[in-house]
Protein backbone atom coordinates (compact mmCIF):
# COMPACT_ATOMS: atom_id res chain seq x y z
CA MET A 1 13.81 8.99 -6.28
CA THR A 2 10.35 7.53 -5.94
CA THR A 3 9.53 6.27 -2.30
CA VAL A 4 7.09 3.42 -1.72
CA LEU A 5 5.79 2.53 1.72
CA ILE A 6 4.88 -1.36 1.86
CA VAL A 7 2.69 -2.25 4.77
CA ASP A 8 2.28 -5.93 5.48
CA ASP A 9 2.48 -8.19 8.58
CA SER A 10 4.03 -10.86 6.60
CA ALA A 11 7.92 -10.62 6.57
CA MET A 12 8.03 -12.73 3.20
CA VAL A 13 5.69 -10.40 1.47
CA LEU A 14 7.46 -7.36 2.63
CA GLU A 15 10.71 -8.73 1.36
CA MET A 16 9.36 -9.79 -1.88
CA VAL A 17 7.75 -6.71 -2.87
CA ALA A 18 10.54 -4.51 -1.52
CA GLU A 19 13.06 -6.37 -3.65
CA GLN A 20 10.80 -6.12 -6.72
CA LEU A 21 10.53 -2.21 -6.31
CA ARG A 22 14.18 -1.81 -5.55
CA GLN A 23 15.02 -3.63 -8.75
CA GLN A 24 12.92 -0.86 -10.50
CA GLY A 25 14.97 1.77 -8.78
CA MET A 26 12.54 2.89 -6.20
CA SER A 27 13.19 3.64 -2.60
CA VAL A 28 11.22 1.37 -0.12
CA ILE A 29 10.09 1.94 3.48
CA GLU A 30 8.47 -0.96 5.34
CA ALA A 31 5.94 -1.31 8.11
CA ARG A 32 4.20 -4.25 9.68
CA ASP A 33 0.93 -2.75 10.43
CA GLY A 34 -1.08 0.43 10.03
CA THR A 35 0.05 2.13 13.28
CA GLU A 36 3.87 1.76 12.21
CA ALA A 37 2.83 3.05 8.82
CA ILE A 38 1.35 6.19 10.12
CA GLU A 39 4.42 6.74 12.35
CA LYS A 40 6.63 6.40 9.24
CA ILE A 41 4.40 8.50 7.12
CA LYS A 42 4.49 11.30 9.42
CA VAL A 43 8.39 11.32 9.20
CA THR A 44 8.73 10.61 5.52
CA PRO A 45 5.42 10.90 3.34
CA PRO A 46 5.86 8.29 0.56
CA ASP A 47 4.90 8.82 -3.16
CA LEU A 48 2.67 5.73 -2.99
CA VAL A 49 1.57 3.05 -0.28
CA VAL A 50 0.94 -0.59 -0.95
CA THR A 51 -0.96 -2.05 1.97
CA ASP A 52 -2.47 -5.36 3.06
CA VAL A 53 -5.88 -5.33 4.68
CA VAL A 54 -5.83 -7.83 7.42
CA MET A 55 -2.95 -6.73 9.91
CA PRO A 56 -2.81 -6.47 13.79
CA LYS A 57 -3.36 -3.01 15.55
CA MET A 58 -4.59 -1.25 12.57
CA ASN A 59 -5.98 -2.65 9.41
CA GLY A 60 -5.48 -1.56 5.79
CA TYR A 61 -9.03 0.10 5.51
CA GLU A 62 -8.24 2.08 8.42
CA LEU A 63 -4.74 3.17 7.25
CA CYS A 64 -6.13 4.11 3.93
CA ARG A 65 -8.89 6.32 5.48
CA TRP A 66 -6.26 8.05 7.60
CA ILE A 67 -4.12 8.62 4.59
CA LYS A 68 -7.04 10.03 2.48
CA ASN A 69 -8.40 12.06 5.32
CA ASN A 70 -4.94 13.77 6.26
CA SER A 71 -4.29 17.10 4.33
CA THR A 72 -0.71 16.34 3.82
CA THR A 73 -1.22 12.82 2.34
CA LYS A 74 -4.72 12.70 0.79
CA ASN A 75 -3.20 12.72 -2.78
CA VAL A 76 -0.79 9.79 -2.01
CA PRO A 77 -2.05 6.84 -4.13
CA VAL A 78 -2.99 3.65 -2.00
CA VAL A 79 -2.79 0.20 -3.54
CA MET A 80 -4.45 -2.53 -1.44
CA CYS A 81 -2.88 -5.87 -2.05
CA THR A 82 -4.72 -8.51 -0.03
CA THR A 83 -6.12 -12.13 0.15
CA LYS A 84 -9.62 -10.64 0.70
CA SER A 85 -11.05 -11.43 -2.81
CA GLU A 86 -14.75 -11.06 -2.40
CA GLU A 87 -16.52 -8.19 -4.52
CA PHE A 88 -17.54 -6.66 -1.30
CA ASP A 89 -14.11 -6.43 0.02
CA LYS A 90 -12.97 -4.71 -3.16
CA TYR A 91 -16.03 -2.45 -3.00
CA TRP A 92 -15.20 -1.47 0.62
CA GLY A 93 -11.54 -0.90 -0.29
CA MET A 94 -12.36 1.51 -2.74
CA LYS A 95 -14.80 3.31 -0.57
CA GLN A 96 -12.13 3.85 1.82
CA GLY A 97 -10.17 5.62 -0.97
CA ALA A 98 -7.96 3.10 -2.43
CA ASP A 99 -6.69 3.96 -5.72
CA ALA A 100 -6.35 0.17 -6.69
CA TYR A 101 -7.15 -3.15 -5.16
CA LEU A 102 -5.14 -6.34 -6.03
CA THR A 103 -5.73 -9.74 -4.65
CA LYS A 104 -2.85 -12.22 -3.38
CA PRO A 105 -1.50 -14.09 -4.94
CA TYR A 106 -0.83 -11.34 -7.35
CA HIS A 107 1.43 -11.27 -10.39
CA PRO A 108 4.57 -9.08 -9.70
CA PRO A 109 4.23 -7.49 -13.26
CA GLU A 110 0.58 -6.49 -12.34
CA LEU A 111 1.59 -4.78 -9.30
CA LEU A 112 4.56 -3.07 -10.98
CA LYS A 113 2.29 -1.83 -13.83
CA THR A 114 -0.43 -0.69 -11.25
CA ILE A 115 2.20 1.31 -9.32
CA LYS A 116 3.85 2.82 -12.15
CA SER A 117 0.45 3.92 -13.68
CA LEU A 118 -0.68 5.50 -10.25
CA LEU A 119 2.72 7.49 -10.09
CA ARG A 120 2.20 8.72 -13.55
CA GLY A 121 -1.47 9.76 -12.80
């Protein structure tokens, strides 16, 4: 079964995305910030990470850099899903190693398509 880690400080977003992925038969791990995400990744490396950018303790850019610079997780796809929608934000997200960058509000089918595409990749 595919495991996806969702990292967002909004309980509503966590619940919404988790439900959407569970309906597709995926296993979901949730974290509220980058620090919690790293602790969970160390225990159970996911197949893919969906992360917000603006979060307390450790933001999504820092989390993405950690994932991509870690030998055991460097090949885990990272999808940034954030309200930061300026061209520079997207550029910076991709520079950190993100495999995809979606802006909120996003369309659920778009997120699903992106996730499935990266998992096939």
